[in-house]
N, C-alpha and C. Protein backbone atom coordinates (compact mmCIF):
# COMPACT_ATOMS: atom_id res chain seq x y z
N UNK A 1 0.84 -1.16 0.00
CA UNK A 1 0.00 0.00 0.00
C UNK A 1 0.89 1.23 0.00
N UNK A 2 0.63 2.14 -0.88
CA UNK A 2 1.39 3.37 -0.98
C UNK A 2 0.76 4.44 -0.10
N UNK A 3 1.58 5.09 0.65
CA UNK A 3 1.09 6.21 1.47
C UNK A 3 1.79 7.47 1.00
N UNK A 4 1.04 8.52 1.06
CA UNK A 4 1.57 9.81 0.66
C UNK A 4 2.24 10.45 1.86
N UNK A 5 3.45 10.81 1.74
CA UNK A 5 4.18 11.46 2.82
C UNK A 5 4.36 12.93 2.50
N UNK A 6 4.03 13.73 3.52
CA UNK A 6 4.22 15.17 3.36
C UNK A 6 5.66 15.48 3.74
N UNK A 7 6.33 16.29 2.94
CA UNK A 7 7.70 16.64 3.29
C UNK A 7 7.71 17.57 4.50
N UNK A 8 8.70 17.42 5.36
CA UNK A 8 8.86 18.30 6.51
C UNK A 8 9.42 19.63 6.03
N UNK A 9 8.81 20.68 6.53
CA UNK A 9 9.28 22.00 6.17
C UNK A 9 10.26 22.44 7.25
N UNK A 10 11.45 22.64 6.86
CA UNK A 10 12.48 23.08 7.79
C UNK A 10 12.79 24.54 7.47
N UNK A 11 12.33 25.40 8.34
CA UNK A 11 12.57 26.82 8.16
C UNK A 11 12.97 27.39 9.52
N UNK A 12 13.90 28.30 9.53
CA UNK A 12 14.28 28.89 10.81
C UNK A 12 13.13 29.70 11.43
N UNK A 13 12.17 30.07 10.62
CA UNK A 13 11.05 30.87 11.13
C UNK A 13 9.86 30.03 11.57
N UNK A 14 9.83 28.73 11.22
CA UNK A 14 8.66 27.93 11.56
C UNK A 14 8.50 27.78 13.06
N UNK A 15 9.57 27.58 13.80
CA UNK A 15 9.47 27.47 15.26
C UNK A 15 9.03 28.80 15.86
N UNK A 16 9.57 29.89 15.35
CA UNK A 16 9.18 31.21 15.84
C UNK A 16 7.72 31.48 15.54
N UNK A 17 7.25 31.08 14.38
CA UNK A 17 5.87 31.29 14.00
C UNK A 17 4.93 30.51 14.92
N UNK A 18 5.26 29.26 15.21
CA UNK A 18 4.44 28.43 16.09
C UNK A 18 4.44 29.02 17.51
N UNK A 19 5.60 29.42 18.00
CA UNK A 19 5.69 30.00 19.34
C UNK A 19 4.89 31.30 19.42
N UNK A 20 4.98 32.12 18.39
CA UNK A 20 4.22 33.38 18.37
C UNK A 20 2.72 33.12 18.36
N UNK A 21 2.29 32.15 17.59
CA UNK A 21 0.87 31.81 17.52
C UNK A 21 0.37 31.31 18.88
N UNK A 22 1.16 30.48 19.55
CA UNK A 22 0.76 29.99 20.87
C UNK A 22 0.71 31.13 21.89
N UNK A 23 1.64 32.03 21.85
CA UNK A 23 1.65 33.17 22.76
C UNK A 23 0.44 34.06 22.52
N UNK A 24 0.16 34.35 21.26
CA UNK A 24 -0.99 35.17 20.93
C UNK A 24 -2.28 34.52 21.40
N UNK A 25 -2.42 33.22 21.21
CA UNK A 25 -3.60 32.49 21.66
C UNK A 25 -3.75 32.57 23.18
N UNK A 26 -2.65 32.41 23.90
CA UNK A 26 -2.75 32.45 25.36
C UNK A 26 -3.10 33.85 25.86
N UNK A 27 -2.62 34.89 25.22
CA UNK A 27 -2.95 36.26 25.62
C UNK A 27 -4.41 36.56 25.33
N UNK A 28 -4.89 36.17 24.16
CA UNK A 28 -6.26 36.46 23.76
C UNK A 28 -7.26 35.62 24.56
N UNK A 29 -6.93 34.36 24.84
CA UNK A 29 -7.89 33.48 25.50
C UNK A 29 -7.93 33.65 27.01
N UNK A 30 -6.93 34.25 27.60
CA UNK A 30 -6.90 34.44 29.05
C UNK A 30 -7.14 35.91 29.37
N UNK A 31 -7.93 36.16 30.39
CA UNK A 31 -8.11 37.53 30.85
C UNK A 31 -7.54 37.65 32.25
N UNK A 32 -7.03 38.80 32.54
CA UNK A 32 -6.44 39.05 33.84
C UNK A 32 -7.48 39.73 34.72
N UNK A 33 -7.72 39.17 35.89
CA UNK A 33 -8.67 39.76 36.82
C UNK A 33 -7.95 40.18 38.09
N UNK A 34 -8.21 41.39 38.49
CA UNK A 34 -7.66 41.92 39.74
C UNK A 34 -8.85 42.33 40.60
N UNK A 35 -9.06 41.64 41.72
CA UNK A 35 -10.17 41.97 42.61
C UNK A 35 -10.01 43.39 43.13
N UNK A 36 -11.14 44.01 43.44
CA UNK A 36 -11.12 45.39 43.92
C UNK A 36 -10.46 45.48 45.30
N UNK A 37 -9.61 46.46 45.44
CA UNK A 37 -9.00 46.81 46.72
C UNK A 37 -9.34 48.27 46.98
N UNK A 38 -9.61 48.59 48.24
CA UNK A 38 -9.98 49.95 48.61
C UNK A 38 -8.99 50.43 49.66
N UNK A 39 -8.46 51.62 49.46
CA UNK A 39 -7.55 52.21 50.46
C UNK A 39 -8.15 53.51 50.97
N UNK A 40 -7.69 53.93 52.15
CA UNK A 40 -8.11 55.21 52.72
C UNK A 40 -6.87 56.04 53.01
N UNK A 41 -7.09 57.35 53.11
CA UNK A 41 -5.94 58.26 53.26
C UNK A 41 -5.61 58.65 54.69
N UNK A 42 -6.41 58.22 55.67
CA UNK A 42 -6.11 58.55 57.06
C UNK A 42 -6.79 59.80 57.56
N UNK A 43 -7.45 60.55 56.69
CA UNK A 43 -8.12 61.79 57.10
C UNK A 43 -9.54 61.51 57.57
N UNK A 44 -10.17 62.51 58.16
CA UNK A 44 -11.57 62.43 58.53
C UNK A 44 -12.24 63.72 58.04
N UNK A 45 -13.10 63.67 57.02
CA UNK A 45 -13.56 62.46 56.37
C UNK A 45 -12.50 61.86 55.46
N UNK A 46 -12.53 60.52 55.31
CA UNK A 46 -11.51 59.87 54.49
C UNK A 46 -11.76 60.04 52.99
N UNK A 47 -10.68 59.92 52.24
CA UNK A 47 -10.76 59.80 50.79
C UNK A 47 -10.38 58.37 50.45
N UNK A 48 -11.18 57.74 49.61
CA UNK A 48 -10.99 56.34 49.23
C UNK A 48 -10.42 56.27 47.82
N UNK A 49 -9.54 55.32 47.60
CA UNK A 49 -9.05 55.03 46.26
C UNK A 49 -9.30 53.56 45.98
N UNK A 50 -9.81 53.28 44.78
CA UNK A 50 -10.12 51.92 44.37
C UNK A 50 -9.11 51.45 43.34
N UNK A 51 -8.81 50.17 43.41
CA UNK A 51 -7.91 49.56 42.44
C UNK A 51 -8.46 48.19 42.10
N UNK A 52 -8.50 47.86 40.82
CA UNK A 52 -8.96 46.54 40.39
C UNK A 52 -9.47 46.59 38.97
N UNK A 53 -9.59 45.42 38.35
CA UNK A 53 -9.98 45.36 36.94
C UNK A 53 -11.47 45.17 36.72
N UNK A 54 -12.22 44.92 37.78
CA UNK A 54 -13.66 44.70 37.63
C UNK A 54 -14.42 46.00 37.42
N UNK A 55 -15.55 45.91 36.74
CA UNK A 55 -16.44 47.06 36.57
C UNK A 55 -17.18 47.27 37.89
N UNK A 56 -16.83 48.34 38.58
CA UNK A 56 -17.35 48.62 39.92
C UNK A 56 -18.76 49.18 39.79
N UNK A 57 -19.76 48.44 40.29
CA UNK A 57 -21.16 48.82 40.08
C UNK A 57 -21.56 50.06 40.87
N UNK A 58 -21.08 50.19 42.08
CA UNK A 58 -21.35 51.37 42.90
C UNK A 58 -20.39 51.38 44.07
N UNK A 59 -20.47 52.46 44.86
CA UNK A 59 -19.60 52.60 46.02
C UNK A 59 -20.48 52.95 47.22
N UNK A 60 -20.31 52.21 48.32
CA UNK A 60 -21.10 52.45 49.53
C UNK A 60 -20.20 52.56 50.75
N UNK A 61 -20.71 53.27 51.74
CA UNK A 61 -20.13 53.27 53.07
C UNK A 61 -21.24 52.81 54.00
N UNK A 62 -20.95 51.80 54.80
CA UNK A 62 -21.94 51.25 55.73
C UNK A 62 -21.37 51.25 57.14
N UNK A 63 -22.24 51.47 58.11
CA UNK A 63 -21.85 51.31 59.50
C UNK A 63 -22.05 49.83 59.84
N UNK A 64 -21.00 49.19 60.31
CA UNK A 64 -21.03 47.77 60.61
C UNK A 64 -21.52 47.58 62.04
N UNK A 65 -22.51 46.72 62.19
CA UNK A 65 -23.02 46.41 63.52
C UNK A 65 -21.89 45.83 64.37
N UNK A 66 -21.79 46.23 65.66
CA UNK A 66 -20.70 45.73 66.51
C UNK A 66 -20.62 44.20 66.58
N UNK A 67 -21.78 43.52 66.56
CA UNK A 67 -21.74 42.05 66.61
C UNK A 67 -21.52 41.43 65.24
N UNK A 68 -21.30 42.27 64.24
CA UNK A 68 -21.07 41.78 62.88
C UNK A 68 -19.59 41.89 62.48
N UNK A 69 -18.73 42.12 63.46
CA UNK A 69 -17.29 42.15 63.18
C UNK A 69 -16.79 40.70 63.19
N UNK A 70 -17.06 40.02 62.09
CA UNK A 70 -16.68 38.63 61.88
C UNK A 70 -16.10 38.52 60.47
N UNK A 71 -15.55 37.37 60.14
CA UNK A 71 -15.02 37.13 58.80
C UNK A 71 -16.12 37.42 57.78
N UNK A 72 -15.77 38.05 56.63
CA UNK A 72 -16.79 38.43 55.64
C UNK A 72 -17.72 37.28 55.23
N UNK A 73 -17.22 36.06 55.17
CA UNK A 73 -18.07 34.93 54.79
C UNK A 73 -19.13 34.65 55.84
N UNK A 74 -18.91 35.10 57.08
CA UNK A 74 -19.85 34.85 58.18
C UNK A 74 -20.69 36.08 58.52
N UNK A 75 -20.46 37.18 57.83
CA UNK A 75 -21.13 38.44 58.14
C UNK A 75 -22.57 38.43 57.63
N UNK A 76 -23.47 38.99 58.43
CA UNK A 76 -24.87 39.18 58.04
C UNK A 76 -25.03 40.64 57.67
N UNK A 77 -24.97 40.94 56.39
CA UNK A 77 -24.99 42.35 55.95
C UNK A 77 -26.32 43.03 56.26
N UNK A 78 -27.38 42.27 56.57
CA UNK A 78 -28.65 42.88 56.95
C UNK A 78 -28.55 43.65 58.26
N UNK A 79 -27.55 43.34 59.08
CA UNK A 79 -27.36 44.02 60.36
C UNK A 79 -26.66 45.36 60.18
N UNK A 80 -26.00 45.56 59.05
CA UNK A 80 -25.26 46.80 58.80
C UNK A 80 -26.19 47.86 58.21
N UNK A 81 -25.82 49.12 58.37
CA UNK A 81 -26.65 50.23 57.88
C UNK A 81 -25.86 51.00 56.82
N UNK A 82 -26.36 51.00 55.60
CA UNK A 82 -25.72 51.78 54.54
C UNK A 82 -26.02 53.25 54.79
N UNK A 83 -24.96 54.05 54.91
CA UNK A 83 -25.16 55.47 55.21
C UNK A 83 -24.87 56.37 54.01
N UNK A 84 -24.16 55.82 53.00
CA UNK A 84 -23.87 56.62 51.81
C UNK A 84 -23.68 55.69 50.63
N UNK A 85 -24.30 56.03 49.50
CA UNK A 85 -24.16 55.23 48.28
C UNK A 85 -24.13 56.17 47.09
N UNK A 86 -23.08 56.01 46.27
CA UNK A 86 -22.99 56.73 45.01
C UNK A 86 -22.87 55.72 43.88
N UNK A 87 -23.40 56.10 42.73
CA UNK A 87 -23.46 55.21 41.58
C UNK A 87 -22.92 55.94 40.36
N UNK A 88 -22.05 55.27 39.56
CA UNK A 88 -21.58 55.93 38.34
C UNK A 88 -22.73 56.08 37.34
N UNK A 89 -22.72 57.19 36.63
CA UNK A 89 -23.76 57.45 35.64
C UNK A 89 -23.50 56.65 34.37
N UNK A 90 -22.24 56.42 34.02
CA UNK A 90 -21.87 55.74 32.77
C UNK A 90 -22.29 54.28 32.78
N UNK A 91 -22.65 53.80 31.61
CA UNK A 91 -22.93 52.38 31.40
C UNK A 91 -22.03 51.89 30.29
N UNK A 92 -21.29 50.82 30.45
CA UNK A 92 -21.14 50.08 31.69
C UNK A 92 -20.36 50.91 32.71
N UNK A 93 -20.48 50.54 33.99
CA UNK A 93 -19.74 51.29 35.01
C UNK A 93 -18.23 51.14 34.80
N UNK A 94 -17.46 52.14 35.23
CA UNK A 94 -16.01 52.06 35.01
C UNK A 94 -15.35 50.97 35.85
N UNK A 95 -14.18 50.58 35.41
CA UNK A 95 -13.38 49.63 36.19
C UNK A 95 -12.96 50.34 37.48
N UNK A 96 -12.72 49.56 38.50
CA UNK A 96 -12.36 50.14 39.81
C UNK A 96 -11.18 51.09 39.67
N UNK A 97 -10.16 50.72 38.91
CA UNK A 97 -8.97 51.58 38.82
C UNK A 97 -9.23 52.85 38.02
N UNK A 98 -10.41 52.96 37.36
CA UNK A 98 -10.77 54.18 36.67
C UNK A 98 -11.66 55.09 37.53
N UNK A 99 -12.03 54.64 38.73
CA UNK A 99 -12.78 55.49 39.64
C UNK A 99 -11.87 56.63 40.10
N UNK A 100 -12.44 57.82 40.26
CA UNK A 100 -11.64 58.91 40.82
C UNK A 100 -11.49 58.70 42.33
N UNK A 101 -10.58 59.41 42.98
CA UNK A 101 -10.57 59.38 44.45
C UNK A 101 -11.93 59.87 44.95
N UNK A 102 -12.45 59.22 45.99
CA UNK A 102 -13.78 59.54 46.50
C UNK A 102 -13.66 60.00 47.94
N UNK A 103 -13.95 61.27 48.17
CA UNK A 103 -13.95 61.80 49.53
C UNK A 103 -15.35 61.58 50.11
N UNK A 104 -15.40 61.00 51.30
CA UNK A 104 -16.68 60.71 51.94
C UNK A 104 -17.55 61.96 51.96
N UNK A 105 -18.77 61.82 51.41
CA UNK A 105 -19.73 62.91 51.39
C UNK A 105 -19.66 63.81 50.17
N UNK A 106 -18.63 63.70 49.35
CA UNK A 106 -18.50 64.51 48.13
C UNK A 106 -18.77 63.63 46.91
N UNK A 107 -19.65 64.08 46.06
CA UNK A 107 -20.03 63.29 44.89
C UNK A 107 -19.11 63.65 43.73
N UNK A 108 -18.28 62.70 43.27
CA UNK A 108 -17.39 63.00 42.14
C UNK A 108 -18.18 63.22 40.84
N UNK A 109 -17.58 63.95 39.92
CA UNK A 109 -18.18 64.14 38.60
C UNK A 109 -18.40 62.77 37.96
N UNK A 110 -19.55 62.59 37.34
CA UNK A 110 -19.88 61.33 36.68
C UNK A 110 -20.59 60.34 37.60
N UNK A 111 -20.95 60.78 38.82
CA UNK A 111 -21.64 59.93 39.78
C UNK A 111 -22.90 60.63 40.26
N UNK A 112 -23.84 59.85 40.77
CA UNK A 112 -25.02 60.41 41.42
C UNK A 112 -25.19 59.73 42.77
N UNK A 113 -25.72 60.46 43.71
CA UNK A 113 -25.93 59.93 45.06
C UNK A 113 -27.29 59.28 45.15
N UNK A 114 -27.33 58.04 45.66
CA UNK A 114 -28.60 57.36 45.89
C UNK A 114 -29.00 57.40 47.36
N UNK A 115 -28.02 57.37 48.26
CA UNK A 115 -28.27 57.45 49.70
C UNK A 115 -27.32 58.43 50.33
N UNK A 116 -27.75 59.29 51.19
CA UNK A 116 -29.16 59.57 51.45
C UNK A 116 -29.82 60.20 50.23
N UNK A 117 -31.13 60.13 50.19
CA UNK A 117 -31.87 60.68 49.03
C UNK A 117 -31.58 62.16 48.86
N UNK A 118 -31.52 62.88 49.97
CA UNK A 118 -31.26 64.32 49.92
C UNK A 118 -30.20 64.67 50.95
N UNK A 119 -29.41 65.66 50.64
CA UNK A 119 -28.43 66.16 51.60
C UNK A 119 -27.16 65.33 51.67
N UNK A 120 -26.45 65.56 52.75
CA UNK A 120 -25.15 64.91 52.92
C UNK A 120 -25.29 63.72 53.87
N UNK A 121 -24.38 62.75 53.77
CA UNK A 121 -24.44 61.61 54.69
C UNK A 121 -24.04 62.05 56.10
N UNK A 122 -24.40 61.24 57.10
CA UNK A 122 -24.05 61.61 58.48
C UNK A 122 -22.54 61.61 58.69
N UNK A 123 -22.06 62.42 59.64
CA UNK A 123 -20.62 62.40 59.93
C UNK A 123 -20.22 61.04 60.49
N UNK A 124 -18.98 60.68 60.22
CA UNK A 124 -18.44 59.42 60.76
C UNK A 124 -18.11 59.63 62.23
N UNK A 125 -18.53 58.68 63.06
CA UNK A 125 -18.43 58.81 64.50
C UNK A 125 -17.21 58.06 65.03
N UNK A 126 -16.49 58.73 65.90
CA UNK A 126 -15.30 58.16 66.55
C UNK A 126 -15.64 56.79 67.17
N UNK A 127 -14.81 55.79 66.87
CA UNK A 127 -14.93 54.48 67.49
C UNK A 127 -15.88 53.51 66.80
N UNK A 128 -16.74 53.98 65.92
CA UNK A 128 -17.65 53.05 65.23
C UNK A 128 -16.93 52.39 64.06
N UNK A 129 -17.40 51.21 63.70
CA UNK A 129 -16.79 50.43 62.62
C UNK A 129 -17.56 50.69 61.33
N UNK A 130 -16.81 50.92 60.24
CA UNK A 130 -17.40 51.18 58.93
C UNK A 130 -16.77 50.26 57.88
N UNK A 131 -17.52 50.08 56.80
CA UNK A 131 -17.01 49.33 55.64
C UNK A 131 -17.29 50.17 54.41
N UNK A 132 -16.31 50.27 53.51
CA UNK A 132 -16.47 51.04 52.28
C UNK A 132 -16.01 50.19 51.10
N UNK A 133 -16.80 50.19 50.05
CA UNK A 133 -16.46 49.43 48.85
C UNK A 133 -17.72 49.13 48.06
N UNK A 134 -17.72 47.99 47.39
CA UNK A 134 -18.90 47.60 46.62
C UNK A 134 -18.63 46.45 45.70
N UNK A 135 -19.69 45.99 45.02
CA UNK A 135 -19.59 44.86 44.11
C UNK A 135 -19.06 45.27 42.74
N UNK A 136 -18.55 44.29 42.04
CA UNK A 136 -18.05 44.50 40.68
C UNK A 136 -18.37 43.26 39.85
N UNK A 137 -18.29 43.39 38.56
CA UNK A 137 -18.34 42.22 37.69
C UNK A 137 -17.12 42.26 36.78
N UNK A 138 -16.69 41.09 36.35
CA UNK A 138 -15.44 40.98 35.59
C UNK A 138 -14.27 40.69 36.53
N UNK A 139 -14.50 40.86 37.81
CA UNK A 139 -13.58 40.53 38.91
C UNK A 139 -14.40 40.75 40.18
N UNK A 140 -13.92 40.23 41.28
CA UNK A 140 -14.65 40.40 42.53
C UNK A 140 -14.56 41.84 43.02
N UNK A 141 -15.64 42.32 43.63
CA UNK A 141 -15.62 43.61 44.28
C UNK A 141 -14.80 43.50 45.55
N UNK A 142 -14.70 44.58 46.28
CA UNK A 142 -13.93 44.55 47.51
C UNK A 142 -14.31 45.71 48.40
N UNK A 143 -13.78 45.67 49.61
CA UNK A 143 -14.09 46.70 50.59
C UNK A 143 -12.96 46.81 51.60
N UNK A 144 -13.03 47.87 52.39
CA UNK A 144 -12.08 48.08 53.47
C UNK A 144 -12.89 48.35 54.74
N UNK A 145 -12.47 47.74 55.84
CA UNK A 145 -13.04 48.05 57.15
C UNK A 145 -12.21 49.17 57.74
N UNK A 146 -12.88 50.14 58.37
CA UNK A 146 -12.14 51.24 58.98
C UNK A 146 -12.94 51.82 60.13
N UNK A 147 -12.28 52.62 60.93
CA UNK A 147 -12.94 53.36 61.99
C UNK A 147 -12.26 54.72 62.10
N UNK A 148 -12.90 55.59 62.84
CA UNK A 148 -12.31 56.89 63.14
C UNK A 148 -11.73 56.77 64.54
N UNK A 149 -10.43 57.03 64.64
CA UNK A 149 -9.72 56.93 65.91
C UNK A 149 -8.83 58.15 66.06
N UNK A 150 -9.01 58.88 67.17
CA UNK A 150 -8.23 60.11 67.41
C UNK A 150 -8.34 61.08 66.23
N UNK A 151 -9.55 61.16 65.66
CA UNK A 151 -9.79 62.10 64.57
C UNK A 151 -9.27 61.68 63.22
N UNK A 152 -8.77 60.45 63.09
CA UNK A 152 -8.21 59.97 61.82
C UNK A 152 -8.90 58.68 61.40
N UNK A 153 -8.97 58.43 60.09
CA UNK A 153 -9.51 57.17 59.59
C UNK A 153 -8.39 56.14 59.58
N UNK A 154 -8.65 54.97 60.16
CA UNK A 154 -7.65 53.92 60.22
C UNK A 154 -8.26 52.60 59.76
N UNK A 155 -7.47 51.83 59.03
CA UNK A 155 -7.92 50.52 58.55
C UNK A 155 -8.02 49.57 59.74
N UNK A 156 -9.09 48.78 59.75
CA UNK A 156 -9.30 47.74 60.75
C UNK A 156 -9.13 46.41 60.02
N UNK A 157 -8.25 45.53 60.50
CA UNK A 157 -8.04 44.26 59.80
C UNK A 157 -9.30 43.38 59.85
N UNK A 158 -9.48 42.60 58.79
CA UNK A 158 -10.57 41.63 58.75
C UNK A 158 -10.33 40.57 59.81
N UNK A 159 -11.35 40.20 60.57
CA UNK A 159 -11.15 39.12 61.55
C UNK A 159 -10.99 37.78 60.84
N UNK A 160 -10.27 36.84 61.44
CA UNK A 160 -10.11 35.52 60.81
C UNK A 160 -11.41 34.74 60.87
N UNK A 161 -11.53 33.74 60.00
CA UNK A 161 -12.72 32.87 60.03
C UNK A 161 -12.63 31.98 61.26
N UNK A 162 -13.79 31.61 61.75
CA UNK A 162 -13.83 30.76 62.95
C UNK A 162 -14.05 29.33 62.58
């Protein structure tokens, strides 16, 4: 039985071409996701900066119930009170790293305030626990726990899971 054999192509560029095609495929087929991280500047009221690749749906500040200082997976968010919520006007919402710095109580250009309906949010109270952040799609949203201590905003570490 006769079989047809294809000749091997030996070219110095064939290996480079195959490697380039594989690299291009891996870059196009994989997306990089960076979960949202929120930082504060230490002032009162604090200014928040967001970083991450997800489209951040909104930004909230909530007062965390004292008995709700537990690992996020164990937290009952129904016990917390949202005191301020702003929402980007643009659709789709911007990626977290495209959010401007957000000073508590000041509405950045391109955002609208949903909570409170009218006026400014309540002042942050010394010693109370707060959480700031929000959900995202395309990557996980994120938040930061903080409190006001000696007139400054300070990050409070997440408690470990039990």
